[in-house]
């Protein structure tokens, strides 16, 4: 159940489009007085009698002064985003006009909305569950195709549906066990313990799969940090410029040109990669500025999700490359890349079967760059984006899923040890509780305020 939640009965207003100059701006009202408030300042009368989901052209008037010509759209409860009366005013995008209309509506009794308050009201009025509400924020913030698809899947209720199926199955067994407890004097069994054991194993597998999906979900939501490392003059900055298709980093034949890390973003196959061009690492240098850059490079390498280890294939023997490859074998976040194959002395390096795992490129000529991009994508997400099903992207969901798994393990242990029905019922109720905290069936006002405070104002 939702505890200590405010029952709002006021009307809120906010700018629903980004602040600043634009062709059109949208101002949104939600609450029981939305339509009557706009009627007070709108040139066309009788909006209260108009049908829901209708659009009306007219003027916003403050006394005798016309503020703007606008289009007003009305949505009547409960058939609206928030489940309340909602009005959207499409006005001209002048910041002065936007502010004037907002002030006028506040003078007529509206309150400025808090961040995420429209979506919070949609949740409290049963229009969305909490996973869907959080997906709204994720969809707004999505900057790649993978992030958009994942957020849209959750907004449509994909994740909620998975959790609801789990919840319903557990509730069924919980009810049967509670029934047994009511008839404990008659020594009757309503719940099939073997079926419960099979269900718990099924739910353990499902919960574990959801937890494991968070690694991919984190990549989709936050991107991948990729450090490009190697000795001075290996071509790191050239590679960065080639991947970005622009001259972002300074390129020179002089070793040690890059003194500080250069960071840029690149979208590869729907996933965002943060590319970090690091200062070339060498054992000794008398340049104190370069040395500081090297130390910073080492920090970036430690923090990176993937490391592109770049070497100059034109100045390295096959024997040396094989030795490096052997030494680095098993480094799970490493991609070994040989650059400058266009001027390599040994052109057979690419065909050597012992060097099969190494990608050979010519960054300056953009040779084999697609193979490197594919390797990055495979290392980061594999074929996870091609699979159907829920991908968990929210750390709050992960915390609840971990607690759910502990509760399921307790049920499993109880069944193995043949504990009494009252103890089993407690563990099942714990599992139901943690499922409810994900969807919002169990929450409180402080939790909601924290979750929705991260939304933008007007949504």
Protein backbone atom coordinates (compact mmCIF):
# COMPACT_ATOMS: atom_id res chain seq x y z
CA UNK A 1 0.00 0.00 0.00
CA UNK A 2 1.06 3.62 -0.44
CA UNK A 3 1.59 5.24 2.94
CA UNK A 4 1.20 8.89 4.00
CA UNK A 5 0.60 10.14 0.47
CA UNK A 6 -0.83 13.62 0.04
CA UNK A 7 -4.21 13.85 -1.67
CA UNK A 8 -3.66 16.86 -3.89
CA UNK A 9 -6.70 18.93 -4.72
CA UNK A 10 -5.00 22.04 -6.07
CA UNK A 11 -4.20 22.96 -9.66
CA UNK A 12 -0.59 23.13 -10.89
CA UNK A 13 0.95 24.91 -13.83
CA UNK A 14 4.34 24.70 -15.56
CA UNK A 15 6.10 25.26 -18.84
CA UNK A 16 6.16 21.88 -20.60
CA UNK A 17 8.64 22.89 -23.30
CA UNK A 18 12.29 23.90 -22.74
CA UNK A 19 12.69 27.47 -21.45
CA UNK A 20 14.00 30.06 -23.88
CA UNK A 21 13.16 31.45 -27.30
CA UNK A 22 11.28 29.25 -29.75
CA UNK A 23 8.49 29.19 -32.30
CA UNK A 24 5.95 27.58 -29.96
CA UNK A 25 5.84 27.00 -26.21
CA UNK A 26 3.44 24.74 -24.30
CA UNK A 27 2.12 25.60 -20.84
CA UNK A 28 0.38 22.81 -18.97
CA UNK A 29 -2.25 22.91 -16.21
CA UNK A 30 -3.44 19.93 -14.17
CA UNK A 31 -5.97 19.80 -11.35
CA UNK A 32 -9.69 20.17 -10.65
CA UNK A 33 -9.80 23.88 -11.56
CA UNK A 34 -7.77 23.68 -14.79
CA UNK A 35 -10.62 24.30 -17.25
CA UNK A 36 -12.33 26.97 -15.13
CA UNK A 37 -9.00 28.79 -14.68
CA UNK A 38 -8.28 28.93 -18.39
CA UNK A 39 -11.91 29.98 -19.00
CA UNK A 40 -11.28 33.05 -16.81
CA UNK A 41 -8.54 34.31 -19.12
CA UNK A 42 -9.60 32.87 -22.50
CA UNK A 43 -11.55 34.84 -25.08
CA UNK A 44 -13.79 31.92 -26.03
CA UNK A 45 -16.39 30.97 -23.45
CA UNK A 46 -18.05 27.67 -22.60
CA UNK A 47 -14.96 25.48 -22.37
CA UNK A 48 -16.50 23.55 -19.47
CA UNK A 49 -19.22 22.30 -21.80
CA UNK A 50 -16.82 21.25 -24.54
CA UNK A 51 -15.88 17.61 -25.07
CA UNK A 52 -12.60 16.20 -23.83
CA UNK A 53 -9.65 16.06 -26.23
CA UNK A 54 -10.77 19.10 -28.20
CA UNK A 55 -8.71 22.04 -29.47
CA UNK A 56 -9.80 25.69 -29.34
CA UNK A 57 -8.29 28.84 -30.86
CA UNK A 58 -8.54 32.17 -29.06
CA UNK A 59 -6.75 34.88 -27.07
CA UNK A 60 -5.30 34.93 -23.56
CA UNK A 61 -6.59 38.14 -21.94
CA UNK A 62 -5.44 39.89 -18.80
CA UNK A 63 -8.19 42.39 -18.06
CA UNK A 64 -8.42 44.35 -21.32
CA UNK A 65 -4.92 43.44 -22.49
CA UNK A 66 -4.43 40.64 -25.03
CA UNK A 67 -1.29 38.69 -24.08
CA UNK A 68 -1.22 36.31 -27.04
CA UNK A 69 -3.21 34.33 -29.58
CA UNK A 70 -3.10 30.70 -28.52
CA UNK A 71 -4.41 27.20 -29.10
CA UNK A 72 -5.94 25.56 -26.01
CA UNK A 73 -6.38 21.78 -25.73
CA UNK A 74 -8.59 20.39 -22.97
CA UNK A 75 -8.55 16.89 -21.45
CA UNK A 76 -11.26 15.97 -18.98
CA UNK A 77 -10.72 13.60 -16.05
CA UNK A 78 -10.03 10.74 -15.98
CA UNK A 79 -9.04 10.62 -19.65
CA UNK A 80 -5.81 12.57 -19.35
CA UNK A 81 -2.13 11.99 -18.66
CA UNK A 82 -2.51 12.76 -14.95
CA UNK A 83 -6.03 11.42 -14.55
CA UNK A 84 -7.17 14.96 -13.66
CA UNK A 85 -8.48 17.88 -15.71
CA UNK A 86 -5.58 18.93 -17.94
CA UNK A 87 -5.24 21.99 -20.16
CA UNK A 88 -2.36 22.61 -22.56
CA UNK A 89 -1.82 26.13 -23.93
CA UNK A 90 0.23 26.41 -27.12
CA UNK A 91 1.47 29.98 -27.26
CA UNK A 92 4.18 31.83 -29.16
CA UNK A 93 7.66 30.99 -27.89
CA UNK A 94 8.66 34.40 -26.56
CA UNK A 95 10.05 34.04 -23.00
CA UNK A 96 8.17 37.24 -22.11
CA UNK A 97 4.85 35.77 -23.31
CA UNK A 98 5.51 32.48 -21.51
CA UNK A 99 6.25 34.26 -18.25
CA UNK A 100 3.25 36.59 -18.61
CA UNK A 101 0.82 33.67 -19.06
CA UNK A 102 2.37 31.72 -16.18
CA UNK A 103 2.05 34.74 -13.88
CA UNK A 104 -1.56 35.31 -14.97
CA UNK A 105 -2.52 31.69 -14.23
CA UNK A 106 -0.82 31.88 -10.83
CA UNK A 107 -2.78 35.05 -10.10
CA UNK A 108 -5.90 33.00 -10.84
CA UNK A 109 -4.99 30.35 -8.25
CA UNK A 110 -2.62 27.91 -9.95
CA UNK A 111 0.53 26.76 -8.18
CA UNK A 112 3.88 26.27 -9.93
CA UNK A 113 4.48 22.54 -10.32
CA UNK A 114 7.39 20.79 -8.65
CA UNK A 115 9.79 18.68 -10.78
CA UNK A 116 7.98 15.58 -12.01
CA UNK A 117 4.71 16.51 -10.34
CA UNK A 118 2.55 15.86 -13.42
CA UNK A 119 3.92 12.31 -13.70
CA UNK A 120 3.70 11.85 -9.94
CA UNK A 121 -0.01 12.68 -10.11
CA UNK A 122 -0.38 10.23 -13.01
CA UNK A 123 1.16 7.55 -10.76
CA UNK A 124 -0.99 8.41 -7.74
CA UNK A 125 -4.12 8.39 -9.90
CA UNK A 126 -3.30 4.93 -11.27
CA UNK A 127 -2.48 6.01 -14.82
CA UNK A 128 1.06 4.58 -14.56
CA UNK A 129 2.89 2.33 -12.14
CA UNK A 130 6.25 3.43 -10.75
CA UNK A 131 8.39 1.59 -13.32
CA UNK A 132 6.42 3.23 -16.12
CA UNK A 133 6.70 6.65 -14.47
CA UNK A 134 10.48 6.25 -14.19
CA UNK A 135 10.55 5.16 -17.83
CA UNK A 136 9.03 8.55 -18.75
CA UNK A 137 12.13 10.28 -17.34
CA UNK A 138 14.41 7.76 -19.07
CA UNK A 139 12.65 8.34 -22.40
CA UNK A 140 13.08 12.10 -22.09
CA UNK A 141 16.76 11.67 -21.25
CA UNK A 142 17.47 9.04 -23.93
CA UNK A 143 20.17 10.09 -26.39
CA UNK A 144 20.61 6.84 -28.31
CA UNK A 145 18.35 4.38 -30.11
CA UNK A 146 19.07 1.66 -27.54
CA UNK A 147 18.13 3.96 -24.64
CA UNK A 148 14.93 5.03 -26.43
CA UNK A 149 13.83 1.46 -27.15
CA UNK A 150 14.52 0.27 -23.61
CA UNK A 151 12.66 3.21 -22.03
CA UNK A 152 9.72 2.81 -24.42
CA UNK A 153 9.50 -0.92 -23.64
CA UNK A 154 9.25 -0.14 -19.93
CA UNK A 155 6.82 2.74 -20.51
CA UNK A 156 4.51 0.36 -22.38
CA UNK A 157 4.53 -1.88 -19.30
CA UNK A 158 6.95 -4.62 -20.38
CA UNK A 159 8.86 -4.70 -17.10
CA UNK A 160 5.67 -4.18 -15.09
CA UNK A 161 4.07 -7.15 -16.83
CA UNK A 162 6.99 -9.42 -15.90
CA UNK A 163 6.76 -8.35 -12.26
CA UNK A 164 2.96 -8.67 -12.17
CA UNK A 165 3.11 -12.28 -13.38
CA UNK A 166 5.63 -13.08 -10.62
CA UNK A 167 3.48 -11.30 -8.03
CA UNK A 168 0.26 -13.05 -9.01
CA UNK A 169 1.85 -16.50 -8.79
CA UNK A 170 3.26 -15.76 -5.34
CA UNK A 171 -0.04 -14.28 -4.11
CA UNK A 172 -1.84 -17.47 -5.14
CA UNK A 173 0.43 -19.62 -2.98
CA UNK A 174 0.40 -17.09 -0.16
CA UNK A 175 -3.41 -17.26 -0.07
CA UNK A 176 -3.37 -21.08 0.01
CA UNK A 177 -0.85 -21.16 2.86
CA UNK A 178 -2.85 -18.58 4.81
CA UNK A 179 -5.92 -20.80 4.27
CA UNK A 180 -4.02 -23.75 5.70
CA UNK A 181 -3.19 -21.70 8.78
CA UNK A 182 -6.88 -20.86 9.23
CA UNK A 183 -7.68 -24.58 9.21
CA UNK A 184 -4.58 -25.69 11.12
CA UNK A 185 -6.68 -27.69 13.62
CA UNK A 186 -8.08 -29.86 10.80
CA UNK A 187 -4.63 -30.76 9.44
CA UNK A 188 -5.57 -30.09 5.79
CA UNK A 189 -3.21 -29.05 2.98
CA UNK A 190 -4.33 -26.60 0.31
CA UNK A 191 -0.88 -25.65 -1.07
CA UNK A 192 1.16 -28.12 -3.06
CA UNK A 193 4.68 -27.69 -1.64
CA UNK A 194 6.30 -29.31 -4.69
CA UNK A 195 4.57 -26.81 -7.00
CA UNK A 196 5.69 -23.97 -4.74
CA UNK A 197 9.26 -25.25 -4.90
CA UNK A 198 9.14 -25.28 -8.72
CA UNK A 199 7.67 -21.78 -8.74
CA UNK A 200 10.37 -20.44 -6.41
CA UNK A 201 13.09 -21.90 -8.65
CA UNK A 202 11.42 -20.28 -11.67
CA UNK A 203 11.26 -16.91 -9.89
CA UNK A 204 14.87 -17.21 -8.71
CA UNK A 205 15.99 -17.75 -12.32
CA UNK A 206 13.85 -14.84 -13.56
CA UNK A 207 15.13 -12.49 -10.84
CA UNK A 208 18.74 -13.50 -11.47
CA UNK A 209 18.29 -12.86 -15.20
CA UNK A 210 16.86 -9.40 -14.47
CA UNK A 211 19.81 -8.60 -12.19
CA UNK A 212 22.31 -9.75 -14.82
CA UNK A 213 20.60 -7.56 -17.42
CA UNK A 214 21.59 -4.47 -15.41
CA UNK A 215 25.14 -4.65 -16.76
CA UNK A 216 23.75 -4.12 -20.26
CA UNK A 217 21.15 -1.67 -18.96
CA UNK A 218 23.84 0.46 -17.36
CA UNK A 219 25.69 0.59 -20.69
CA UNK A 220 22.50 1.60 -22.52
CA UNK A 221 21.62 4.32 -20.02
CA UNK A 222 25.03 5.77 -19.18
CA UNK A 223 27.24 4.74 -22.10
CA UNK A 224 30.68 3.12 -22.17
CA UNK A 225 33.99 4.71 -21.21
CA UNK A 226 36.71 3.77 -23.70
CA UNK A 227 40.33 4.73 -23.01
CA UNK A 228 42.71 4.79 -25.99
CA UNK A 229 46.18 4.01 -24.62
CA UNK A 230 49.62 3.29 -25.99
CA UNK A 231 53.13 4.61 -26.36
CA UNK A 232 53.75 8.13 -27.66
CA UNK A 233 53.22 8.51 -31.42
CA UNK A 234 51.27 5.26 -31.76
CA UNK A 235 48.45 7.24 -33.43
CA UNK A 236 45.98 7.59 -30.55
CA UNK A 237 44.89 11.11 -31.45
CA UNK A 238 44.64 10.19 -35.13
CA UNK A 239 42.40 7.27 -34.21
CA UNK A 240 40.18 9.52 -32.08
CA UNK A 241 39.84 12.01 -34.96
CA UNK A 242 39.05 9.19 -37.38
CA UNK A 243 36.36 7.68 -35.15
CA UNK A 244 34.78 11.11 -34.64
CA UNK A 245 35.24 12.01 -38.31
CA UNK A 246 36.62 15.41 -37.28
CA UNK A 247 39.93 16.95 -36.17
CA UNK A 248 39.23 17.05 -32.45
CA UNK A 249 42.69 16.14 -31.09
CA UNK A 250 46.01 17.75 -32.01
CA UNK A 251 48.11 15.43 -34.19
CA UNK A 252 51.88 15.71 -34.57
CA UNK A 253 54.89 13.54 -35.38
CA UNK A 254 56.49 14.76 -32.14
CA UNK A 255 56.09 12.16 -29.35
CA UNK A 256 54.28 13.46 -26.28
CA UNK A 257 52.09 15.98 -28.14
CA UNK A 258 49.02 14.99 -26.12
CA UNK A 259 49.66 16.35 -22.61
CA UNK A 260 46.17 15.90 -21.16
CA UNK A 261 43.26 13.57 -21.78
CA UNK A 262 40.81 14.52 -24.56
CA UNK A 263 37.25 13.22 -24.13
CA UNK A 264 34.53 13.02 -26.79
CA UNK A 265 31.30 11.08 -27.33
CA UNK A 266 30.51 8.74 -30.22
CA UNK A 267 27.31 6.86 -31.04
CA UNK A 268 28.02 3.38 -32.41
CA UNK A 269 25.04 1.17 -33.32
CA UNK A 270 22.72 2.89 -30.85
CA UNK A 271 25.11 2.94 -27.86
CA UNK A 272 27.00 5.99 -26.57
CA UNK A 273 30.77 5.67 -26.14
CA UNK A 274 32.90 8.18 -24.26
CA UNK A 275 36.26 8.10 -26.04
CA UNK A 276 39.25 9.18 -23.97
CA UNK A 277 42.47 9.99 -25.83
CA UNK A 278 45.18 9.65 -23.20
CA UNK A 279 48.70 11.00 -23.05
CA UNK A 280 51.24 8.51 -24.42
CA UNK A 281 52.69 6.34 -21.67
CA UNK A 282 56.47 5.95 -21.56
CA UNK A 283 58.74 4.94 -18.70
CA UNK A 284 60.62 8.22 -18.33
CA UNK A 285 60.29 11.82 -19.40
CA UNK A 286 61.91 15.00 -18.16
CA UNK A 287 58.87 17.09 -19.08
CA UNK A 288 56.87 17.64 -15.86
CA UNK A 289 53.70 18.60 -17.77
CA UNK A 290 53.88 15.43 -19.86
CA UNK A 291 54.45 13.37 -16.71
CA UNK A 292 51.27 14.82 -15.18
CA UNK A 293 49.40 13.83 -18.34
CA UNK A 294 50.76 10.27 -18.06
CA UNK A 295 49.59 9.97 -14.47
CA UNK A 296 46.13 11.17 -15.47
CA UNK A 297 46.11 8.62 -18.30
CA UNK A 298 46.72 5.81 -15.81
CA UNK A 299 43.72 6.99 -13.76
CA UNK A 300 41.51 6.97 -16.86
CA UNK A 301 42.67 3.45 -17.75
CA UNK A 302 41.62 2.19 -14.32
CA UNK A 303 38.19 3.83 -14.61
CA UNK A 304 37.52 2.77 -18.23
CA UNK A 305 35.03 0.05 -19.18
CA UNK A 306 37.04 -0.81 -22.30
CA UNK A 307 40.68 -0.10 -23.12
CA UNK A 308 41.95 0.13 -26.70
CA UNK A 309 45.64 -0.82 -26.43
CA UNK A 310 47.13 0.79 -29.54
CA UNK A 311 50.61 0.00 -30.86
CA UNK A 312 52.57 1.06 -33.91
CA UNK A 313 52.53 -1.94 -36.26
CA UNK A 314 55.10 -0.27 -38.51
CA UNK A 315 57.72 -0.28 -35.76
CA UNK A 316 56.99 -3.62 -34.10
CA UNK A 317 58.04 -7.16 -35.01
CA UNK A 318 55.64 -10.09 -35.17
CA UNK A 319 57.53 -11.77 -32.31
CA UNK A 320 57.06 -8.72 -30.06
CA UNK A 321 53.36 -8.49 -30.90
CA UNK A 322 52.89 -12.20 -30.10
CA UNK A 323 54.61 -11.71 -26.77
CA UNK A 324 52.34 -8.77 -25.89
CA UNK A 325 49.30 -10.72 -27.05
CA UNK A 326 50.25 -13.63 -24.80
CA UNK A 327 50.87 -11.35 -21.82
CA UNK A 328 47.52 -9.58 -22.29
CA UNK A 329 45.53 -12.76 -22.96
CA UNK A 330 42.40 -12.86 -20.82
CA UNK A 331 42.27 -9.12 -20.08
CA UNK A 332 38.51 -8.93 -20.49
CA UNK A 333 38.21 -5.18 -21.05
CA UNK A 334 41.10 -4.91 -23.53
CA UNK A 335 40.99 -4.59 -27.33
CA UNK A 336 44.47 -5.01 -28.85
CA UNK A 337 44.87 -2.80 -31.95
CA UNK A 338 47.82 -2.45 -34.35
CA UNK A 339 47.92 0.91 -36.15
CA UNK A 340 49.82 2.19 -39.24
CA UNK A 341 49.38 -1.02 -41.25
CA UNK A 342 49.58 1.16 -44.37
CA UNK A 343 53.33 1.58 -43.74
CA UNK A 344 54.04 -1.68 -41.90
CA UNK A 345 57.24 -3.45 -42.91
CA UNK A 346 55.64 -6.87 -42.38
CA UNK A 347 52.38 -6.81 -44.37
CA UNK A 348 51.63 -10.43 -43.40
CA UNK A 349 50.77 -9.53 -39.80
CA UNK A 350 47.04 -9.39 -40.56
CA UNK A 351 47.08 -12.95 -41.91
CA UNK A 352 49.12 -14.52 -39.10
CA UNK A 353 46.81 -17.07 -37.37
CA UNK A 354 48.57 -16.46 -34.04
CA UNK A 355 47.48 -12.81 -34.19
CA UNK A 356 43.85 -13.54 -35.02
CA UNK A 357 42.48 -11.67 -32.01
CA UNK A 358 44.29 -8.44 -32.89
CA UNK A 359 42.63 -5.75 -35.04
CA UNK A 360 44.99 -4.12 -37.54
CA UNK A 361 44.07 -0.67 -38.81
CA UNK A 362 45.42 2.36 -40.59
CA UNK A 363 43.74 5.20 -38.68
CA UNK A 364 45.05 7.90 -41.01
CA UNK A 365 43.50 6.22 -44.06
CA UNK A 366 40.42 4.95 -42.15
CA UNK A 367 41.31 1.36 -43.03
CA UNK A 368 39.45 -1.35 -41.05
CA UNK A 369 37.88 1.21 -38.69
CA UNK A 370 34.49 -0.54 -39.05
CA UNK A 371 36.04 -3.73 -37.65
CA UNK A 372 37.22 -1.79 -34.61
CA UNK A 373 33.77 -0.25 -34.11
CA UNK A 374 32.20 -3.73 -34.33
CA UNK A 375 34.71 -5.03 -31.78
CA UNK A 376 33.83 -2.18 -29.41
CA UNK A 377 30.12 -2.90 -29.78
CA UNK A 378 30.62 -6.63 -29.25
CA UNK A 379 32.75 -6.04 -26.16
CA UNK A 380 30.21 -3.59 -24.68
CA UNK A 381 26.84 -5.20 -25.42
CA UNK A 382 27.36 -8.41 -27.43
CA UNK A 383 24.05 -9.49 -28.91
CA UNK A 384 22.07 -8.28 -25.87
CA UNK A 385 20.27 -5.54 -27.81
CA UNK A 386 18.86 -8.11 -30.24
CA UNK A 387 17.17 -10.15 -27.51
CA UNK A 388 13.55 -9.69 -26.49
CA UNK A 389 12.63 -8.99 -22.89
CA UNK A 390 13.26 -6.61 -20.02
CA UNK A 391 16.58 -4.86 -19.56
CA UNK A 392 16.93 -3.31 -16.09
CA UNK A 393 18.44 0.19 -16.22
CA UNK A 394 17.50 1.58 -12.81
CA UNK A 395 19.70 1.17 -9.71
CA UNK A 396 16.62 1.38 -7.45
CA UNK A 397 15.12 -1.62 -9.21
CA UNK A 398 18.38 -3.55 -8.78
CA UNK A 399 18.38 -2.92 -5.02
CA UNK A 400 14.80 -4.26 -4.72
CA UNK A 401 15.53 -7.24 -6.99
CA UNK A 402 18.49 -8.22 -4.79
CA UNK A 403 16.26 -8.15 -1.71
CA UNK A 404 13.63 -10.13 -3.63
CA UNK A 405 16.21 -12.79 -4.48
CA UNK A 406 17.22 -13.07 -0.81
CA UNK A 407 13.55 -13.55 0.13
CA UNK A 408 13.09 -16.22 -2.56
CA UNK A 409 16.22 -17.98 -1.29
CA UNK A 410 14.70 -17.95 2.20
CA UNK A 411 11.50 -19.54 0.84
CA UNK A 412 13.56 -22.18 -0.96
CA UNK A 413 15.55 -22.92 2.18
CA UNK A 414 12.34 -23.14 4.21
CA UNK A 415 10.87 -25.68 1.79
CA UNK A 416 14.04 -27.79 1.91
CA UNK A 417 14.00 -27.74 5.72
CA UNK A 418 10.22 -28.34 5.85
CA UNK A 419 9.48 -25.28 7.99
CA UNK A 420 5.94 -24.56 9.14
CA UNK A 421 3.43 -22.70 7.01
CA UNK A 422 3.48 -19.57 9.15
CA UNK A 423 7.23 -19.12 8.56
CA UNK A 424 6.80 -19.77 4.84
CA UNK A 425 4.05 -17.16 4.74
CA UNK A 426 6.39 -14.57 6.29
CA UNK A 427 9.07 -15.19 3.64
CA UNK A 428 6.50 -15.08 0.81
CA UNK A 429 5.17 -11.76 2.16
CA UNK A 430 8.74 -10.40 2.18
CA UNK A 431 9.09 -11.36 -1.50
CA UNK A 432 5.74 -9.73 -2.32
CA UNK A 433 6.83 -6.60 -0.45
CA UNK A 434 10.02 -6.20 -2.51
CA UNK A 435 8.12 -6.78 -5.76
CA UNK A 436 5.68 -4.08 -4.66
CA UNK A 437 8.46 -1.57 -3.98
CA UNK A 438 9.55 -1.80 -7.64
CA UNK A 439 6.15 -1.11 -9.17
CA UNK A 440 5.06 1.33 -6.47
CA UNK A 441 2.32 -0.82 -4.96
CA UNK A 442 4.25 -0.33 -1.72
CA UNK A 443 5.89 3.05 -1.22
CA UNK A 444 5.73 6.23 0.82
CA UNK A 445 5.73 9.97 0.24
CA UNK A 446 9.44 10.47 0.94
CA UNK A 447 10.40 7.83 -1.63
CA UNK A 448 8.14 9.37 -4.25
CA UNK A 449 9.45 12.87 -3.60
CA UNK A 450 13.00 11.58 -4.09
CA UNK A 451 12.18 9.70 -7.31
CA UNK A 452 10.17 12.47 -8.96
CA UNK A 453 12.51 15.28 -7.86
CA UNK A 454 14.90 14.04 -10.57
CA UNK A 455 12.32 14.73 -13.30
CA UNK A 456 12.22 17.94 -15.29
CA UNK A 457 9.62 20.57 -14.35
CA UNK A 458 6.52 20.33 -16.54
CA UNK A 459 6.56 16.52 -16.84
